[in-house]
Amino acid sequence: MNVNINSVHFDADGKLINQIENKISKLDHFHGKITNVNVYLKLDNLVHNIKDKVVEIKVMVPKHEFFVKQTSKTFEQSFERAMQAVLSQMKRKKERLAA
């Protein structure tokens, strides 16, 4: 599994990057054929006032792609919400294939 973490127009803190990498590494438990994971960290600014932190997660598996975008006041909270949403998508897809 290849993991890419991109911070757009700013430098992300090392602690945040480590936290994201640790959580992303656990995705293998939910789907064994993950080929690539892209995480984008963005600042949602409105006329030079930083409003919210945006996290986008794209998980690629053979023949399918999961994408989630979450926004909140902190990157940690946005990432947690995005992880829950992508896990939910992966579980639903797995249940549909099993049925």
C-alpha atoms as a PDB file:
ATOM      1  CA  MET A   1       0.000   0.000   0.000  1.00  0.00           C
ATOM      2  CA  ASN A   2       1.422   3.334  -1.115  1.00  0.00           C
ATOM      3  CA  VAL A   3       0.512   6.321   1.105  1.00  0.00           C
ATOM      4  CA  ASN A   4       0.863   9.938  -0.068  1.00  0.00           C
ATOM      5  CA  ILE A   5       0.158  12.824   2.309  1.00  0.00           C
ATOM      6  CA  ASN A   6       0.014  16.237   0.636  1.00  0.00           C
ATOM      7  CA  SER A   7      -0.368  19.555   2.420  1.00  0.00           C
ATOM      8  CA  VAL A   8      -1.576  22.198  -0.009  1.00  0.00           C
ATOM      9  CA  HIS A   9      -0.078  25.714   0.383  1.00  0.00           C
ATOM     10  CA  PHE A  10       1.384  25.093   3.865  1.00  0.00           C
ATOM     11  CA  ASP A  11       3.813  22.780   5.693  1.00  0.00           C
ATOM     12  CA  ALA A  12       2.114  20.193   7.884  1.00  0.00           C
ATOM     13  CA  ASP A  13       3.383  19.458  11.389  1.00  0.00           C
ATOM     14  CA  GLY A  14       5.377  16.232  11.800  1.00  0.00           C
ATOM     15  CA  LYS A  15       3.124  15.099  14.652  1.00  0.00           C
ATOM     16  CA  LEU A  16       0.052  15.421  12.400  1.00  0.00           C
ATOM     17  CA  ILE A  17       1.770  13.497   9.588  1.00  0.00           C
ATOM     18  CA  ASN A  18       2.733  10.658  11.978  1.00  0.00           C
ATOM     19  CA  GLN A  19      -0.802  10.476  13.375  1.00  0.00           C
ATOM     20  CA  ILE A  20      -2.260  10.247   9.852  1.00  0.00           C
ATOM     21  CA  GLU A  21       0.247   7.569   8.788  1.00  0.00           C
ATOM     22  CA  ASN A  22      -0.549   5.453  11.870  1.00  0.00           C
ATOM     23  CA  LYS A  23      -4.303   5.587  11.219  1.00  0.00           C
ATOM     24  CA  ILE A  24      -3.953   4.959   7.469  1.00  0.00           C
ATOM     25  CA  SER A  25      -1.812   1.873   8.120  1.00  0.00           C
ATOM     26  CA  LYS A  26      -4.815   0.291   9.882  1.00  0.00           C
ATOM     27  CA  LEU A  27      -6.906   0.397   6.676  1.00  0.00           C
ATOM     28  CA  ASP A  28      -5.359  -2.944   5.635  1.00  0.00           C
ATOM     29  CA  HIS A  29      -7.549  -4.637   8.273  1.00  0.00           C
ATOM     30  CA  PHE A  30     -10.675  -3.555   6.393  1.00  0.00           C
ATOM     31  CA  HIS A  31      -9.558  -4.233   2.813  1.00  0.00           C
ATOM     32  CA  GLY A  32      -6.536  -6.328   1.916  1.00  0.00           C
ATOM     33  CA  LYS A  33      -6.092  -5.111  -1.666  1.00  0.00           C
ATOM     34  CA  ILE A  34      -5.536  -1.370  -1.162  1.00  0.00           C
ATOM     35  CA  THR A  35      -3.064  -0.150  -3.767  1.00  0.00           C
ATOM     36  CA  ASN A  36      -2.824   3.560  -3.020  1.00  0.00           C
ATOM     37  CA  VAL A  37      -4.033   6.087  -0.433  1.00  0.00           C
ATOM     38  CA  ASN A  38      -3.869   9.845  -1.038  1.00  0.00           C
ATOM     39  CA  VAL A  39      -4.510  12.290   1.799  1.00  0.00           C
ATOM     40  CA  TYR A  40      -4.826  16.005   1.038  1.00  0.00           C
ATOM     41  CA  LEU A  41      -4.682  18.614   3.802  1.00  0.00           C
ATOM     42  CA  LYS A  42      -6.029  22.002   2.737  1.00  0.00           C
ATOM     43  CA  LEU A  43      -6.866  25.335   4.305  1.00  0.00           C
ATOM     44  CA  ASP A  44     -10.284  26.667   3.377  1.00  0.00           C
ATOM     45  CA  ASN A  45      -9.707  30.428   3.255  1.00  0.00           C
ATOM     46  CA  LEU A  46     -12.269  33.069   2.627  1.00  0.00           C
ATOM     47  CA  VAL A  47     -10.636  36.370   1.588  1.00  0.00           C
ATOM     48  CA  HIS A  48      -7.350  35.632   3.415  1.00  0.00           C
ATOM     49  CA  ASN A  49      -9.107  34.558   6.624  1.00  0.00           C
ATOM     50  CA  ILE A  50      -8.420  30.914   7.371  1.00  0.00           C
ATOM     51  CA  LYS A  51     -11.833  29.498   8.058  1.00  0.00           C
ATOM     52  CA  ASP A  52     -11.678  25.705   8.212  1.00  0.00           C
ATOM     53  CA  LYS A  53      -9.323  22.773   7.766  1.00  0.00           C
ATOM     54  CA  VAL A  54     -10.204  20.379   4.939  1.00  0.00           C
ATOM     55  CA  VAL A  55      -9.078  16.750   4.702  1.00  0.00           C
ATOM     56  CA  GLU A  56      -9.642  14.664   1.580  1.00  0.00           C
ATOM     57  CA  ILE A  57      -8.920  10.934   1.524  1.00  0.00           C
ATOM     58  CA  LYS A  58      -8.848   8.862  -1.651  1.00  0.00           C
ATOM     59  CA  VAL A  59      -8.423   5.087  -1.260  1.00  0.00           C
ATOM     60  CA  MET A  60      -7.792   3.077  -4.409  1.00  0.00           C
ATOM     61  CA  VAL A  61      -8.437  -0.636  -4.691  1.00  0.00           C
ATOM     62  CA  PRO A  62      -8.643  -2.718  -7.876  1.00  0.00           C
ATOM     63  CA  LYS A  63     -11.734  -1.710  -9.880  1.00  0.00           C
ATOM     64  CA  HIS A  64     -12.956   0.792  -7.269  1.00  0.00           C
ATOM     65  CA  GLU A  65     -12.098   4.084  -5.584  1.00  0.00           C
ATOM     66  CA  PHE A  66     -13.330   5.531  -2.282  1.00  0.00           C
ATOM     67  CA  PHE A  67     -13.301   9.314  -1.792  1.00  0.00           C
ATOM     68  CA  VAL A  68     -14.187  11.406   1.264  1.00  0.00           C
ATOM     69  CA  LYS A  69     -13.926  15.138   2.006  1.00  0.00           C
ATOM     70  CA  GLN A  70     -14.446  16.514   5.521  1.00  0.00           C
ATOM     71  CA  THR A  71     -14.175  20.007   6.989  1.00  0.00           C
ATOM     72  CA  SER A  72     -13.873  21.226  10.594  1.00  0.00           C
ATOM     73  CA  LYS A  73     -11.905  23.627  12.791  1.00  0.00           C
ATOM     74  CA  THR A  74      -8.887  21.297  13.217  1.00  0.00           C
ATOM     75  CA  PHE A  75      -7.084  18.874  10.934  1.00  0.00           C
ATOM     76  CA  GLU A  76      -7.294  16.143  13.559  1.00  0.00           C
ATOM     77  CA  GLN A  77     -11.070  16.371  13.778  1.00  0.00           C
ATOM     78  CA  SER A  78     -11.448  16.577   9.988  1.00  0.00           C
ATOM     79  CA  PHE A  79      -9.210  13.534   9.555  1.00  0.00           C
ATOM     80  CA  GLU A  80     -11.107  11.480  12.162  1.00  0.00           C
ATOM     81  CA  ARG A  81     -14.427  12.247  10.451  1.00  0.00           C
ATOM     82  CA  ALA A  82     -12.966  11.430   7.033  1.00  0.00           C
ATOM     83  CA  MET A  83     -11.544   8.120   8.288  1.00  0.00           C
ATOM     84  CA  GLN A  84     -14.907   7.110   9.740  1.00  0.00           C
ATOM     85  CA  ALA A  85     -16.631   7.989   6.466  1.00  0.00           C
ATOM     86  CA  VAL A  86     -14.162   6.084   4.280  1.00  0.00           C
ATOM     87  CA  LEU A  87     -14.359   3.033   6.589  1.00  0.00           C
ATOM     88  CA  SER A  88     -18.139   3.175   6.344  1.00  0.00           C
ATOM     89  CA  GLN A  89     -17.932   3.263   2.532  1.00  0.00           C
ATOM     90  CA  MET A  90     -15.522   0.318   2.500  1.00  0.00           C
ATOM     91  CA  LYS A  91     -17.746  -1.753   4.824  1.00  0.00           C
ATOM     92  CA  ARG A  92     -20.858  -1.032   2.728  1.00  0.00           C
ATOM     93  CA  LYS A  93     -19.041  -2.043  -0.466  1.00  0.00           C
ATOM     94  CA  LYS A  94     -17.812  -5.257   1.177  1.00  0.00           C
ATOM     95  CA  GLU A  95     -21.364  -6.096   2.363  1.00  0.00           C
ATOM     96  CA  ARG A  96     -22.797  -5.507  -1.123  1.00  0.00           C
ATOM     97  CA  LEU A  97     -20.204  -7.788  -2.693  1.00  0.00           C
ATOM     98  CA  ALA A  98     -20.871 -10.497  -0.112  1.00  0.00           C
ATOM     99  CA  ALA A  99     -24.661 -10.401  -0.659  1.00  0.00           C
END
